[in-house]
Structure formats: structure tokens, C-alpha cells
Amino acid sequence: TIPETVTYGGSTYAVTAIERWAFGYCSELTSVTIPESVTSIGDDAFSGCTSLASITIPNSVTKIESATFDSCYALESVTIGSGVTSIAALAFYKCTSLTEIYSLNPTPPTIITMFAFFKVDMENCVLYVPEGSYEAYATANAWRGFLNIVEVDFGGIEETISDNADASEIARYDISGRLLSEPQKGINIVRYSDGTVEKVIVK
């Protein structure tokens, strides 16, 4: 978990950036929580993190830089915050295990080249987008390569509960898309192992 502030020499500083190569080739890193104070993530920041399974990019970040997640072979799920407006080349290069992308911006982030998702199985990776934005993603450069685009009402509390009694909870997010380690008061978005999503209110 990256803190929002750090104290050094008696002074407290806000954590606003993850510099390039900050976690490069940290092969035992399995998960990362990025605070809303972070507005930029540098090139190759998580490149070669071969055990990283999921990550949530907060709404405060506006751009995913070049090769940010290059060769993160274990990465299965990515949540892209609503503030992200552009994704650079090779951002998810060789993320061969990626099966779910949650893009919270109703306007598809600009992607200059298909190589942003080079080696991602775009036929089977499910792209979840805000309700009403299917057409925008289905016709946008690079995004249109995903063959399974599903609209989700991220802002609502309607439930799409699994009919499978054996389905287990695999991830929980707050309404902004931040990955939660435990239930949090307010609206939670819960994902199950069979691919269904449930919106719940935690009191």
C-alpha cells in the first residue's frame, strides 16, 4: 500500500507520483494500492512485475505511460480510473493473463496504437465500461479490438447477483473503482468468480 503522505526530516510530503521504474522487476510483488494523491505513474513503473495479479489505477491519474505494465504476465484484472484520458504505447505489453479490464471513464481514453495491448487476448479479455458507453468503446481506436465489451452501471446500486451458489467473491471496489481489502461503508462493487457483479450498500 502506497501512503498518501510520507514524513521525512520532520516534514510531511504528499505522495503525488510513482516515478519510472519505481517497482521495475519486483518479481514478488502481488498487489498494489495506489492512493488518490498520486496523479502520475512513470514509464515502466511496474514493468516486469511478474507476480502482480491485479491493480487499480485511481481516478486522480490522467495518463498511463509507456510500458507501465510491460511483461506483467500474472496480471489478470485492471481497473482504470475515470480520470485516465490517455494510454501510451506498450502500456500493457505482454500482459498475457489479462482477463478483465474495468475502464471507468465513459469517454474511452485515447490510445494511439494497438501495441498498448500487444499480446493481450482481446478476444477473451472482458472490457467493462460505464453504462451507455458501449458504442464509444466499440468504435474507438484500439478499444474496438476487444470483442467482449460489457456495460456496467458503476454509479448505481442495482444488483446483478450470481445464480451460481458456488461463486465466490474475488474482488471488491469502492464506487470510484479503488480495490478494497475489506467492506467499506457506502456503495461497494463486488465481483464474483463467475464474472457477475453486485452493487451493495454497506452500513
N, C-alpha and C. Protein backbone atom coordinates (compact mmCIF):
# COMPACT_ATOMS: atom_id res chain seq x y z
N THR A 1 0.85 -1.19 0.00
CA THR A 1 0.00 0.00 0.00
C THR A 1 0.88 1.24 0.00
N ILE A 2 0.69 2.08 -1.00
CA ILE A 2 1.46 3.32 -1.09
C ILE A 2 0.72 4.39 -0.29
N PRO A 3 1.36 5.02 0.68
CA PRO A 3 0.66 6.00 1.52
C PRO A 3 0.41 7.31 0.77
N GLU A 4 -0.56 8.07 1.26
CA GLU A 4 -0.85 9.37 0.66
C GLU A 4 0.20 10.42 1.05
N THR A 5 0.83 10.23 2.21
CA THR A 5 1.86 11.16 2.67
C THR A 5 3.02 10.39 3.27
N VAL A 6 4.19 11.02 3.28
CA VAL A 6 5.36 10.46 3.97
C VAL A 6 6.00 11.58 4.79
N THR A 7 6.60 11.19 5.88
CA THR A 7 7.28 12.17 6.73
C THR A 7 8.78 11.93 6.67
N TYR A 8 9.52 13.00 6.40
CA TYR A 8 10.98 12.91 6.30
C TYR A 8 11.59 14.18 6.86
N GLY A 9 12.53 13.99 7.74
CA GLY A 9 13.21 15.15 8.32
C GLY A 9 12.28 16.09 9.06
N GLY A 10 11.23 15.55 9.61
CA GLY A 10 10.29 16.36 10.37
C GLY A 10 9.22 17.04 9.52
N SER A 11 9.29 16.88 8.21
CA SER A 11 8.29 17.48 7.31
C SER A 11 7.46 16.39 6.66
N THR A 12 6.21 16.71 6.38
CA THR A 12 5.29 15.76 5.74
C THR A 12 5.06 16.17 4.29
N TYR A 13 5.17 15.19 3.41
CA TYR A 13 5.03 15.44 1.97
C TYR A 13 3.93 14.56 1.39
N ALA A 14 3.17 15.11 0.45
CA ALA A 14 2.16 14.34 -0.27
C ALA A 14 2.84 13.45 -1.30
N VAL A 15 2.37 12.24 -1.44
CA VAL A 15 2.88 11.33 -2.47
C VAL A 15 2.06 11.57 -3.74
N THR A 16 2.66 12.20 -4.73
CA THR A 16 1.92 12.61 -5.94
C THR A 16 2.34 11.86 -7.19
N ALA A 17 3.44 11.12 -7.14
CA ALA A 17 3.91 10.45 -8.35
C ALA A 17 4.61 9.14 -8.02
N ILE A 18 4.49 8.19 -8.95
CA ILE A 18 5.29 6.97 -8.93
C ILE A 18 6.25 7.09 -10.11
N GLU A 19 7.51 7.26 -9.82
CA GLU A 19 8.48 7.55 -10.87
C GLU A 19 8.76 6.33 -11.75
N ARG A 20 9.35 6.56 -12.91
CA ARG A 20 9.66 5.48 -13.85
C ARG A 20 10.55 4.43 -13.19
N TRP A 21 10.24 3.19 -13.48
CA TRP A 21 10.96 2.03 -12.96
C TRP A 21 10.87 1.89 -11.44
N ALA A 22 9.94 2.58 -10.79
CA ALA A 22 9.86 2.56 -9.33
C ALA A 22 9.77 1.14 -8.77
N PHE A 23 8.98 0.29 -9.42
CA PHE A 23 8.82 -1.10 -8.97
C PHE A 23 9.28 -2.08 -10.05
N GLY A 24 10.08 -1.62 -10.98
CA GLY A 24 10.52 -2.47 -12.08
C GLY A 24 11.15 -3.77 -11.61
N TYR A 25 10.63 -4.87 -12.14
CA TYR A 25 11.15 -6.21 -11.87
C TYR A 25 11.12 -6.60 -10.40
N CYS A 26 10.12 -6.08 -9.67
CA CYS A 26 9.85 -6.58 -8.31
C CYS A 26 9.03 -7.86 -8.48
N SER A 27 9.71 -8.95 -8.68
CA SER A 27 9.06 -10.19 -9.12
C SER A 27 8.15 -10.81 -8.06
N GLU A 28 8.27 -10.42 -6.79
CA GLU A 28 7.43 -10.99 -5.75
C GLU A 28 6.25 -10.08 -5.39
N LEU A 29 6.14 -8.94 -6.04
CA LEU A 29 5.04 -8.01 -5.78
C LEU A 29 3.75 -8.60 -6.36
N THR A 30 2.72 -8.78 -5.50
CA THR A 30 1.47 -9.40 -5.95
C THR A 30 0.31 -8.42 -6.06
N SER A 31 0.31 -7.34 -5.28
CA SER A 31 -0.77 -6.37 -5.35
C SER A 31 -0.27 -5.00 -4.92
N VAL A 32 -0.94 -3.96 -5.43
CA VAL A 32 -0.55 -2.58 -5.12
C VAL A 32 -1.81 -1.76 -4.92
N THR A 33 -1.82 -0.95 -3.88
CA THR A 33 -2.89 0.02 -3.67
C THR A 33 -2.31 1.41 -3.85
N ILE A 34 -2.84 2.15 -4.80
CA ILE A 34 -2.34 3.48 -5.12
C ILE A 34 -3.32 4.52 -4.60
N PRO A 35 -2.89 5.49 -3.80
CA PRO A 35 -3.81 6.48 -3.24
C PRO A 35 -4.23 7.53 -4.26
N GLU A 36 -5.32 8.23 -3.97
CA GLU A 36 -5.83 9.28 -4.84
C GLU A 36 -4.89 10.47 -4.95
N SER A 37 -3.90 10.57 -4.04
CA SER A 37 -2.95 11.68 -4.11
C SER A 37 -2.02 11.56 -5.30
N VAL A 38 -1.88 10.35 -5.85
CA VAL A 38 -0.98 10.12 -6.98
C VAL A 38 -1.65 10.57 -8.28
N THR A 39 -0.96 11.45 -9.02
CA THR A 39 -1.50 11.96 -10.28
C THR A 39 -0.74 11.46 -11.50
N SER A 40 0.45 10.89 -11.29
CA SER A 40 1.21 10.40 -12.44
C SER A 40 1.97 9.13 -12.09
N ILE A 41 2.06 8.25 -13.07
CA ILE A 41 2.81 6.99 -12.93
C ILE A 41 3.76 6.92 -14.12
N GLY A 42 5.04 6.81 -13.85
CA GLY A 42 6.05 6.91 -14.90
C GLY A 42 6.20 5.69 -15.78
N ASP A 43 6.96 5.85 -16.86
CA ASP A 43 7.24 4.75 -17.78
C ASP A 43 7.81 3.55 -17.02
N ASP A 44 7.36 2.36 -17.41
CA ASP A 44 7.91 1.10 -16.87
C ASP A 44 7.80 1.00 -15.35
N ALA A 45 6.89 1.74 -14.74
CA ALA A 45 6.82 1.78 -13.28
C ALA A 45 6.63 0.40 -12.66
N PHE A 46 5.88 -0.46 -13.34
CA PHE A 46 5.64 -1.82 -12.83
C PHE A 46 6.11 -2.87 -13.84
N SER A 47 6.96 -2.46 -14.75
CA SER A 47 7.44 -3.38 -15.78
C SER A 47 8.15 -4.58 -15.16
N GLY A 48 7.82 -5.77 -15.65
CA GLY A 48 8.49 -6.97 -15.18
C GLY A 48 8.05 -7.45 -13.81
N CYS A 49 6.95 -6.93 -13.29
CA CYS A 49 6.41 -7.41 -12.00
C CYS A 49 5.60 -8.67 -12.30
N THR A 50 6.28 -9.78 -12.43
CA THR A 50 5.70 -11.00 -12.98
C THR A 50 4.70 -11.69 -12.07
N SER A 51 4.58 -11.26 -10.80
CA SER A 51 3.60 -11.86 -9.89
C SER A 51 2.42 -10.94 -9.61
N LEU A 52 2.44 -9.73 -10.17
CA LEU A 52 1.37 -8.76 -9.94
C LEU A 52 0.09 -9.25 -10.60
N ALA A 53 -0.97 -9.48 -9.77
CA ALA A 53 -2.19 -10.10 -10.29
C ALA A 53 -3.30 -9.09 -10.59
N SER A 54 -3.37 -8.00 -9.82
CA SER A 54 -4.41 -7.01 -10.07
C SER A 54 -3.94 -5.65 -9.59
N ILE A 55 -4.50 -4.61 -10.20
CA ILE A 55 -4.15 -3.26 -9.79
C ILE A 55 -5.30 -2.32 -10.14
N THR A 56 -5.49 -1.31 -9.28
CA THR A 56 -6.48 -0.28 -9.53
C THR A 56 -5.75 1.05 -9.70
N ILE A 57 -5.98 1.68 -10.83
CA ILE A 57 -5.39 2.99 -11.10
C ILE A 57 -6.40 4.04 -10.69
N PRO A 58 -6.10 4.88 -9.70
CA PRO A 58 -7.11 5.79 -9.16
C PRO A 58 -7.55 6.86 -10.14
N ASN A 59 -8.69 7.47 -9.83
CA ASN A 59 -9.26 8.49 -10.70
C ASN A 59 -8.36 9.71 -10.84
N SER A 60 -7.44 9.89 -9.90
CA SER A 60 -6.54 11.06 -9.93
C SER A 60 -5.49 10.98 -11.02
N VAL A 61 -5.21 9.78 -11.52
CA VAL A 61 -4.22 9.60 -12.58
C VAL A 61 -4.87 9.89 -13.93
N THR A 62 -4.19 10.67 -14.78
CA THR A 62 -4.76 11.05 -16.07
C THR A 62 -4.17 10.30 -17.25
N LYS A 63 -2.99 9.72 -17.08
CA LYS A 63 -2.36 9.03 -18.20
C LYS A 63 -1.62 7.79 -17.73
N ILE A 64 -1.76 6.71 -18.50
CA ILE A 64 -0.96 5.51 -18.27
C ILE A 64 0.20 5.58 -19.25
N GLU A 65 1.40 5.69 -18.73
CA GLU A 65 2.58 5.94 -19.56
C GLU A 65 3.06 4.69 -20.29
N SER A 66 4.06 4.87 -21.12
CA SER A 66 4.61 3.80 -21.93
C SER A 66 5.16 2.65 -21.09
N ALA A 67 4.75 1.43 -21.45
CA ALA A 67 5.27 0.20 -20.85
C ALA A 67 5.08 0.13 -19.33
N THR A 68 4.06 0.81 -18.83
CA THR A 68 3.83 0.83 -17.38
C THR A 68 3.74 -0.57 -16.80
N PHE A 69 3.04 -1.47 -17.50
CA PHE A 69 2.86 -2.84 -17.02
C PHE A 69 3.46 -3.86 -17.98
N ASP A 70 4.49 -3.47 -18.70
CA ASP A 70 5.16 -4.35 -19.65
C ASP A 70 5.58 -5.66 -19.00
N SER A 71 5.19 -6.79 -19.62
CA SER A 71 5.59 -8.14 -19.17
C SER A 71 5.11 -8.50 -17.78
N CYS A 72 3.97 -7.94 -17.35
CA CYS A 72 3.33 -8.39 -16.10
C CYS A 72 2.48 -9.61 -16.44
N TYR A 73 3.13 -10.77 -16.53
CA TYR A 73 2.50 -11.97 -17.05
C TYR A 73 1.33 -12.47 -16.20
N ALA A 74 1.34 -12.18 -14.89
CA ALA A 74 0.30 -12.69 -14.00
C ALA A 74 -0.88 -11.75 -13.86
N LEU A 75 -0.78 -10.56 -14.47
CA LEU A 75 -1.83 -9.56 -14.30
C LEU A 75 -3.14 -10.05 -14.93
N GLU A 76 -4.17 -10.20 -14.10
CA GLU A 76 -5.46 -10.71 -14.56
C GLU A 76 -6.53 -9.63 -14.62
N SER A 77 -6.47 -8.65 -13.71
CA SER A 77 -7.53 -7.66 -13.61
C SER A 77 -6.96 -6.26 -13.44
N VAL A 78 -7.49 -5.32 -14.22
CA VAL A 78 -7.05 -3.92 -14.13
C VAL A 78 -8.29 -3.04 -14.05
N THR A 79 -8.28 -2.10 -13.11
CA THR A 79 -9.32 -1.08 -13.05
C THR A 79 -8.68 0.26 -13.39
N ILE A 80 -9.18 0.89 -14.45
CA ILE A 80 -8.65 2.16 -14.92
C ILE A 80 -9.60 3.26 -14.48
N GLY A 81 -9.11 4.16 -13.63
CA GLY A 81 -9.93 5.21 -13.05
C GLY A 81 -10.53 6.15 -14.09
N SER A 82 -11.59 6.84 -13.68
CA SER A 82 -12.33 7.71 -14.60
C SER A 82 -11.52 8.92 -15.05
N GLY A 83 -10.42 9.24 -14.34
CA GLY A 83 -9.60 10.39 -14.72
C GLY A 83 -8.63 10.11 -15.84
N VAL A 84 -8.41 8.84 -16.16
CA VAL A 84 -7.44 8.48 -17.20
C VAL A 84 -8.00 8.85 -18.57
N THR A 85 -7.25 9.68 -19.30
CA THR A 85 -7.70 10.14 -20.62
C THR A 85 -6.83 9.63 -21.75
N SER A 86 -5.65 9.06 -21.43
CA SER A 86 -4.79 8.54 -22.50
C SER A 86 -3.94 7.39 -21.99
N ILE A 87 -3.64 6.48 -22.90
CA ILE A 87 -2.82 5.31 -22.59
C ILE A 87 -1.74 5.21 -23.66
N ALA A 88 -0.49 5.18 -23.22
CA ALA A 88 0.64 5.22 -24.15
C ALA A 88 0.97 3.83 -24.69
N ALA A 89 1.88 3.81 -25.65
CA ALA A 89 2.29 2.58 -26.30
C ALA A 89 2.86 1.58 -25.30
N LEU A 90 2.56 0.31 -25.53
CA LEU A 90 3.11 -0.81 -24.76
C LEU A 90 2.70 -0.80 -23.29
N ALA A 91 1.67 -0.04 -22.94
CA ALA A 91 1.27 0.08 -21.53
C ALA A 91 0.99 -1.27 -20.89
N PHE A 92 0.33 -2.16 -21.64
CA PHE A 92 0.01 -3.49 -21.13
C PHE A 92 0.65 -4.58 -22.00
N TYR A 93 1.82 -4.27 -22.50
CA TYR A 93 2.55 -5.18 -23.40
C TYR A 93 2.84 -6.51 -22.72
N LYS A 94 2.46 -7.58 -23.38
CA LYS A 94 2.68 -8.96 -22.92
C LYS A 94 1.97 -9.28 -21.60
N CYS A 95 0.87 -8.60 -21.33
CA CYS A 95 0.03 -8.98 -20.17
C CYS A 95 -0.87 -10.12 -20.63
N THR A 96 -0.29 -11.28 -20.78
CA THR A 96 -0.95 -12.40 -21.44
C THR A 96 -2.05 -13.05 -20.60
N SER A 97 -2.10 -12.77 -19.30
CA SER A 97 -3.12 -13.36 -18.44
C SER A 97 -4.30 -12.42 -18.19
N LEU A 98 -4.26 -11.25 -18.80
CA LEU A 98 -5.29 -10.24 -18.54
C LEU A 98 -6.65 -10.74 -19.05
N THR A 99 -7.61 -10.85 -18.13
CA THR A 99 -8.95 -11.34 -18.49
C THR A 99 -10.04 -10.32 -18.22
N GLU A 100 -9.74 -9.27 -17.45
CA GLU A 100 -10.75 -8.26 -17.12
C GLU A 100 -10.13 -6.87 -17.09
N ILE A 101 -10.77 -5.94 -17.79
CA ILE A 101 -10.39 -4.54 -17.70
C ILE A 101 -11.64 -3.74 -17.36
N TYR A 102 -11.57 -2.96 -16.28
CA TYR A 102 -12.66 -2.08 -15.90
C TYR A 102 -12.22 -0.65 -16.22
N SER A 103 -12.83 -0.05 -17.24
CA SER A 103 -12.50 1.32 -17.60
C SER A 103 -13.65 2.21 -17.17
N LEU A 104 -13.41 3.07 -16.18
CA LEU A 104 -14.48 3.83 -15.55
C LEU A 104 -14.82 5.14 -16.25
N ASN A 105 -14.01 5.53 -17.24
CA ASN A 105 -14.27 6.77 -17.96
C ASN A 105 -15.28 6.51 -19.08
N PRO A 106 -16.42 7.21 -19.10
CA PRO A 106 -17.40 6.99 -20.18
C PRO A 106 -16.86 7.40 -21.55
N THR A 107 -15.85 8.26 -21.58
CA THR A 107 -15.16 8.60 -22.82
C THR A 107 -13.90 7.74 -22.93
N PRO A 108 -13.79 6.89 -23.92
CA PRO A 108 -12.63 5.99 -24.00
C PRO A 108 -11.31 6.76 -23.96
N PRO A 109 -10.39 6.40 -23.07
CA PRO A 109 -9.08 7.04 -23.07
C PRO A 109 -8.42 6.90 -24.44
N THR A 110 -7.74 7.93 -24.87
CA THR A 110 -7.10 7.92 -26.18
C THR A 110 -5.95 6.92 -26.20
N ILE A 111 -5.94 6.07 -27.20
CA ILE A 111 -4.86 5.10 -27.40
C ILE A 111 -4.36 5.28 -28.83
N ILE A 112 -3.12 5.65 -28.95
CA ILE A 112 -2.56 5.95 -30.27
C ILE A 112 -2.32 4.68 -31.07
N THR A 113 -1.91 3.62 -30.40
CA THR A 113 -1.52 2.40 -31.11
C THR A 113 -2.07 1.16 -30.45
N MET A 114 -2.39 0.16 -31.27
CA MET A 114 -2.85 -1.12 -30.75
C MET A 114 -1.80 -1.79 -29.88
N PHE A 115 -0.54 -1.41 -30.03
CA PHE A 115 0.52 -2.05 -29.26
C PHE A 115 0.39 -1.80 -27.76
N ALA A 116 -0.51 -0.92 -27.37
CA ALA A 116 -0.77 -0.73 -25.93
C ALA A 116 -1.21 -2.04 -25.30
N PHE A 117 -1.91 -2.88 -26.08
CA PHE A 117 -2.42 -4.17 -25.59
C PHE A 117 -1.80 -5.34 -26.34
N PHE A 118 -0.60 -5.15 -26.84
CA PHE A 118 0.05 -6.20 -27.62
C PHE A 118 0.22 -7.47 -26.79
N LYS A 119 -0.23 -8.59 -27.34
CA LYS A 119 -0.20 -9.91 -26.73
C LYS A 119 -1.34 -10.14 -25.72
N VAL A 120 -2.18 -9.13 -25.46
CA VAL A 120 -3.37 -9.34 -24.65
C VAL A 120 -4.39 -10.09 -25.50
N ASP A 121 -5.04 -11.09 -24.93
CA ASP A 121 -6.04 -11.86 -25.65
C ASP A 121 -7.33 -11.03 -25.72
N MET A 122 -7.42 -10.17 -26.71
CA MET A 122 -8.55 -9.24 -26.81
C MET A 122 -9.85 -9.94 -27.21
N GLU A 123 -9.74 -11.17 -27.62
CA GLU A 123 -10.95 -11.94 -27.94
C GLU A 123 -11.65 -12.43 -26.68
N ASN A 124 -10.87 -12.76 -25.66
CA ASN A 124 -11.45 -13.34 -24.44
C ASN A 124 -11.40 -12.42 -23.23
N CYS A 125 -10.56 -11.40 -23.27
CA CYS A 125 -10.49 -10.44 -22.16
C CYS A 125 -11.77 -9.59 -22.18
N VAL A 126 -12.49 -9.54 -21.05
CA VAL A 126 -13.74 -8.78 -20.97
C VAL A 126 -13.43 -7.33 -20.61
N LEU A 127 -13.96 -6.42 -21.40
CA LEU A 127 -13.81 -4.99 -21.15
C LEU A 127 -15.11 -4.45 -20.57
N TYR A 128 -15.08 -4.05 -19.29
CA TYR A 128 -16.25 -3.48 -18.63
C TYR A 128 -16.19 -1.96 -18.73
N VAL A 129 -17.27 -1.36 -19.21
CA VAL A 129 -17.31 0.09 -19.43
C VAL A 129 -18.57 0.67 -18.79
N PRO A 130 -18.60 1.98 -18.54
CA PRO A 130 -19.78 2.59 -17.94
C PRO A 130 -21.03 2.43 -18.82
N GLU A 131 -22.15 2.32 -18.15
CA GLU A 131 -23.43 2.18 -18.85
C GLU A 131 -23.61 3.32 -19.86
N GLY A 132 -24.00 2.97 -21.07
CA GLY A 132 -24.22 3.97 -22.10
C GLY A 132 -23.02 4.29 -22.97
N SER A 133 -21.87 3.65 -22.69
CA SER A 133 -20.66 3.98 -23.44
C SER A 133 -20.17 2.85 -24.34
N TYR A 134 -21.01 1.84 -24.50
CA TYR A 134 -20.60 0.70 -25.34
C TYR A 134 -20.17 1.14 -26.74
N GLU A 135 -21.02 1.92 -27.38
CA GLU A 135 -20.75 2.32 -28.76
C GLU A 135 -19.46 3.12 -28.87
N ALA A 136 -19.21 3.97 -27.88
CA ALA A 136 -17.98 4.78 -27.90
C ALA A 136 -16.74 3.91 -27.87
N TYR A 137 -16.75 2.88 -27.01
CA TYR A 137 -15.60 1.99 -26.91
C TYR A 137 -15.51 1.06 -28.12
N ALA A 138 -16.66 0.61 -28.60
CA ALA A 138 -16.68 -0.34 -29.72
C ALA A 138 -16.19 0.27 -31.02
N THR A 139 -16.14 1.60 -31.09
CA THR A 139 -15.69 2.27 -32.31
C THR A 139 -14.39 3.04 -32.13
N ALA A 140 -13.87 3.08 -30.90
CA ALA A 140 -12.66 3.84 -30.61
C ALA A 140 -11.41 3.07 -31.02
N ASN A 141 -10.40 3.80 -31.45
CA ASN A 141 -9.13 3.20 -31.84
C ASN A 141 -8.59 2.32 -30.71
N ALA A 142 -8.16 1.12 -31.05
CA ALA A 142 -7.59 0.12 -30.14
C ALA A 142 -8.66 -0.54 -29.28
N TRP A 143 -9.53 0.22 -28.64
CA TRP A 143 -10.58 -0.37 -27.79
C TRP A 143 -11.49 -1.28 -28.62
N ARG A 144 -11.71 -0.92 -29.87
CA ARG A 144 -12.62 -1.72 -30.69
C ARG A 144 -12.08 -3.12 -30.95
N GLY A 145 -10.81 -3.36 -30.63
CA GLY A 145 -10.25 -4.69 -30.78
C GLY A 145 -10.79 -5.69 -29.76
N PHE A 146 -11.36 -5.19 -28.66
CA PHE A 146 -11.94 -6.10 -27.65
C PHE A 146 -13.28 -6.60 -28.17
N LEU A 147 -13.45 -7.90 -28.20
CA LEU A 147 -14.66 -8.49 -28.76
C LEU A 147 -15.76 -8.68 -27.72
N ASN A 148 -15.43 -8.52 -26.45
CA ASN A 148 -16.42 -8.71 -25.39
C ASN A 148 -16.45 -7.47 -24.52
N ILE A 149 -17.31 -6.51 -24.90
CA ILE A 149 -17.45 -5.25 -24.16
C ILE A 149 -18.78 -5.29 -23.42
N VAL A 150 -18.73 -5.08 -22.11
CA VAL A 150 -19.92 -5.19 -21.27
C VAL A 150 -20.16 -3.88 -20.53
N GLU A 151 -21.36 -3.35 -20.63
CA GLU A 151 -21.71 -2.13 -19.90
C GLU A 151 -22.05 -2.46 -18.45
N VAL A 152 -21.58 -1.62 -17.53
CA VAL A 152 -21.85 -1.79 -16.10
C VAL A 152 -22.28 -0.44 -15.53
N ASP A 153 -23.32 -0.44 -14.70
CA ASP A 153 -23.74 0.79 -14.03
C ASP A 153 -22.88 0.97 -12.79
N PHE A 154 -21.71 1.55 -12.94
CA PHE A 154 -20.79 1.74 -11.82
C PHE A 154 -21.37 2.66 -10.76
N GLY A 155 -22.27 3.54 -11.16
CA GLY A 155 -22.78 4.53 -10.23
C GLY A 155 -24.04 4.12 -9.52
N GLY A 156 -24.63 3.01 -9.90
CA GLY A 156 -25.89 2.62 -9.30
C GLY A 156 -25.73 1.63 -8.16
N ILE A 157 -26.86 1.22 -7.60
CA ILE A 157 -26.82 0.22 -6.53
C ILE A 157 -27.68 -0.98 -6.91
N GLU A 158 -28.04 -1.06 -8.22
CA GLU A 158 -28.78 -2.21 -8.67
C GLU A 158 -27.91 -3.46 -8.54
N GLU A 159 -28.55 -4.58 -8.32
CA GLU A 159 -27.81 -5.81 -8.11
C GLU A 159 -27.93 -6.74 -9.32
N THR A 160 -26.83 -7.35 -9.70
CA THR A 160 -26.83 -8.42 -10.70
C THR A 160 -26.19 -9.61 -10.01
N ILE A 161 -26.95 -10.22 -9.13
CA ILE A 161 -26.43 -11.25 -8.24
C ILE A 161 -26.27 -12.58 -8.98
N SER A 162 -25.21 -13.28 -8.66
CA SER A 162 -24.92 -14.55 -9.29
C SER A 162 -25.97 -15.59 -8.94
N ASP A 163 -26.33 -16.42 -9.94
CA ASP A 163 -27.23 -17.55 -9.70
C ASP A 163 -26.44 -18.78 -9.30
N ASN A 164 -25.15 -18.69 -9.36
CA ASN A 164 -24.28 -19.83 -9.05
C ASN A 164 -23.92 -19.82 -7.57
N ALA A 165 -24.42 -20.80 -6.84
CA ALA A 165 -24.18 -20.85 -5.40
C ALA A 165 -22.71 -21.08 -5.07
N ASP A 166 -21.96 -21.60 -6.03
CA ASP A 166 -20.55 -21.89 -5.79
C ASP A 166 -19.65 -20.70 -6.09
N ALA A 167 -20.22 -19.62 -6.63
CA ALA A 167 -19.41 -18.44 -6.96
C ALA A 167 -18.90 -17.78 -5.70
N SER A 168 -17.65 -17.38 -5.71
CA SER A 168 -17.05 -16.74 -4.54
C SER A 168 -16.61 -15.32 -4.88
N GLU A 169 -16.55 -14.46 -3.88
CA GLU A 169 -16.10 -13.09 -4.08
C GLU A 169 -14.61 -13.09 -4.39
N ILE A 170 -14.23 -12.40 -5.48
CA ILE A 170 -12.81 -12.36 -5.84
C ILE A 170 -12.23 -10.95 -5.74
N ALA A 171 -13.10 -9.94 -5.72
CA ALA A 171 -12.60 -8.57 -5.60
C ALA A 171 -13.74 -7.66 -5.18
N ARG A 172 -13.37 -6.58 -4.49
CA ARG A 172 -14.36 -5.60 -4.02
C ARG A 172 -13.78 -4.21 -4.24
N TYR A 173 -14.61 -3.29 -4.78
CA TYR A 173 -14.17 -1.94 -5.10
C TYR A 173 -15.11 -0.92 -4.47
N ASP A 174 -14.59 0.29 -4.24
CA ASP A 174 -15.49 1.38 -3.89
C ASP A 174 -16.04 1.96 -5.18
N ILE A 175 -16.91 2.96 -5.06
CA ILE A 175 -17.61 3.48 -6.23
C ILE A 175 -16.67 4.16 -7.22
N SER A 176 -15.49 4.57 -6.77
CA SER A 176 -14.52 5.19 -7.68
C SER A 176 -13.64 4.16 -8.37
N GLY A 177 -13.82 2.89 -8.00
CA GLY A 177 -13.04 1.84 -8.63
C GLY A 177 -11.82 1.40 -7.86
N ARG A 178 -11.62 1.94 -6.66
CA ARG A 178 -10.45 1.57 -5.85
C ARG A 178 -10.66 0.19 -5.24
N LEU A 179 -9.66 -0.67 -5.36
CA LEU A 179 -9.71 -2.01 -4.79
C LEU A 179 -9.72 -1.93 -3.27
N LEU A 180 -10.66 -2.63 -2.64
CA LEU A 180 -10.79 -2.62 -1.18
C LEU A 180 -10.29 -3.94 -0.60
N SER A 181 -9.66 -3.87 0.55
CA SER A 181 -9.21 -5.08 1.22
C SER A 181 -10.29 -5.65 2.13
N GLU A 182 -11.31 -4.86 2.42
CA GLU A 182 -12.43 -5.29 3.27
C GLU A 182 -13.64 -4.41 2.96
N PRO A 183 -14.84 -4.82 3.37
CA PRO A 183 -16.01 -3.99 3.10
C PRO A 183 -15.85 -2.58 3.67
N GLN A 184 -16.32 -1.60 2.92
CA GLN A 184 -16.21 -0.20 3.32
C GLN A 184 -17.59 0.43 3.31
N LYS A 185 -17.86 1.27 4.30
CA LYS A 185 -19.16 1.91 4.41
C LYS A 185 -19.49 2.67 3.13
N GLY A 186 -20.73 2.48 2.66
CA GLY A 186 -21.16 3.11 1.42
C GLY A 186 -21.42 2.07 0.35
N ILE A 187 -21.32 2.48 -0.92
CA ILE A 187 -21.57 1.56 -2.04
C ILE A 187 -20.29 0.78 -2.35
N ASN A 188 -20.40 -0.53 -2.36
CA ASN A 188 -19.30 -1.41 -2.75
C ASN A 188 -19.69 -2.14 -4.03
N ILE A 189 -18.72 -2.34 -4.90
CA ILE A 189 -18.91 -3.15 -6.10
C ILE A 189 -18.18 -4.46 -5.89
N VAL A 190 -18.92 -5.57 -5.92
CA VAL A 190 -18.35 -6.88 -5.64
C VAL A 190 -18.34 -7.72 -6.90
N ARG A 191 -17.18 -8.27 -7.23
CA ARG A 191 -17.05 -9.17 -8.37
C ARG A 191 -16.94 -10.60 -7.88
N TYR A 192 -17.61 -11.53 -8.58
CA TYR A 192 -17.61 -12.93 -8.22
C TYR A 192 -16.85 -13.76 -9.25
N SER A 193 -16.52 -14.98 -8.85
CA SER A 193 -15.68 -15.84 -9.68
C SER A 193 -16.34 -16.26 -10.99
N ASP A 194 -17.68 -16.12 -11.09
CA ASP A 194 -18.35 -16.48 -12.33
C ASP A 194 -18.54 -15.28 -13.25
N GLY A 195 -17.94 -14.13 -12.88
CA GLY A 195 -17.98 -12.96 -13.74
C GLY A 195 -19.11 -11.99 -13.45
N THR A 196 -20.00 -12.33 -12.53
CA THR A 196 -21.11 -11.43 -12.21
C THR A 196 -20.65 -10.34 -11.25
N VAL A 197 -21.42 -9.26 -11.21
CA VAL A 197 -21.09 -8.09 -10.41
C VAL A 197 -22.30 -7.73 -9.56
N GLU A 198 -22.05 -7.37 -8.30
CA GLU A 198 -23.13 -6.98 -7.40
C GLU A 198 -22.79 -5.64 -6.75
N LYS A 199 -23.75 -4.73 -6.73
CA LYS A 199 -23.58 -3.47 -6.02
C LYS A 199 -24.29 -3.60 -4.68
N VAL A 200 -23.57 -3.35 -3.60
CA VAL A 200 -24.16 -3.49 -2.27
C VAL A 200 -23.92 -2.21 -1.47
N ILE A 201 -24.82 -1.96 -0.53
CA ILE A 201 -24.65 -0.84 0.38
C ILE A 201 -24.22 -1.40 1.73
N VAL A 202 -23.08 -0.96 2.19
CA VAL A 202 -22.55 -1.37 3.49
C VAL A 202 -22.85 -0.27 4.49
N LYS A 203 -23.58 -0.57 5.56
CA LYS A 203 -23.97 0.44 6.54
C LYS A 203 -23.04 0.39 7.76
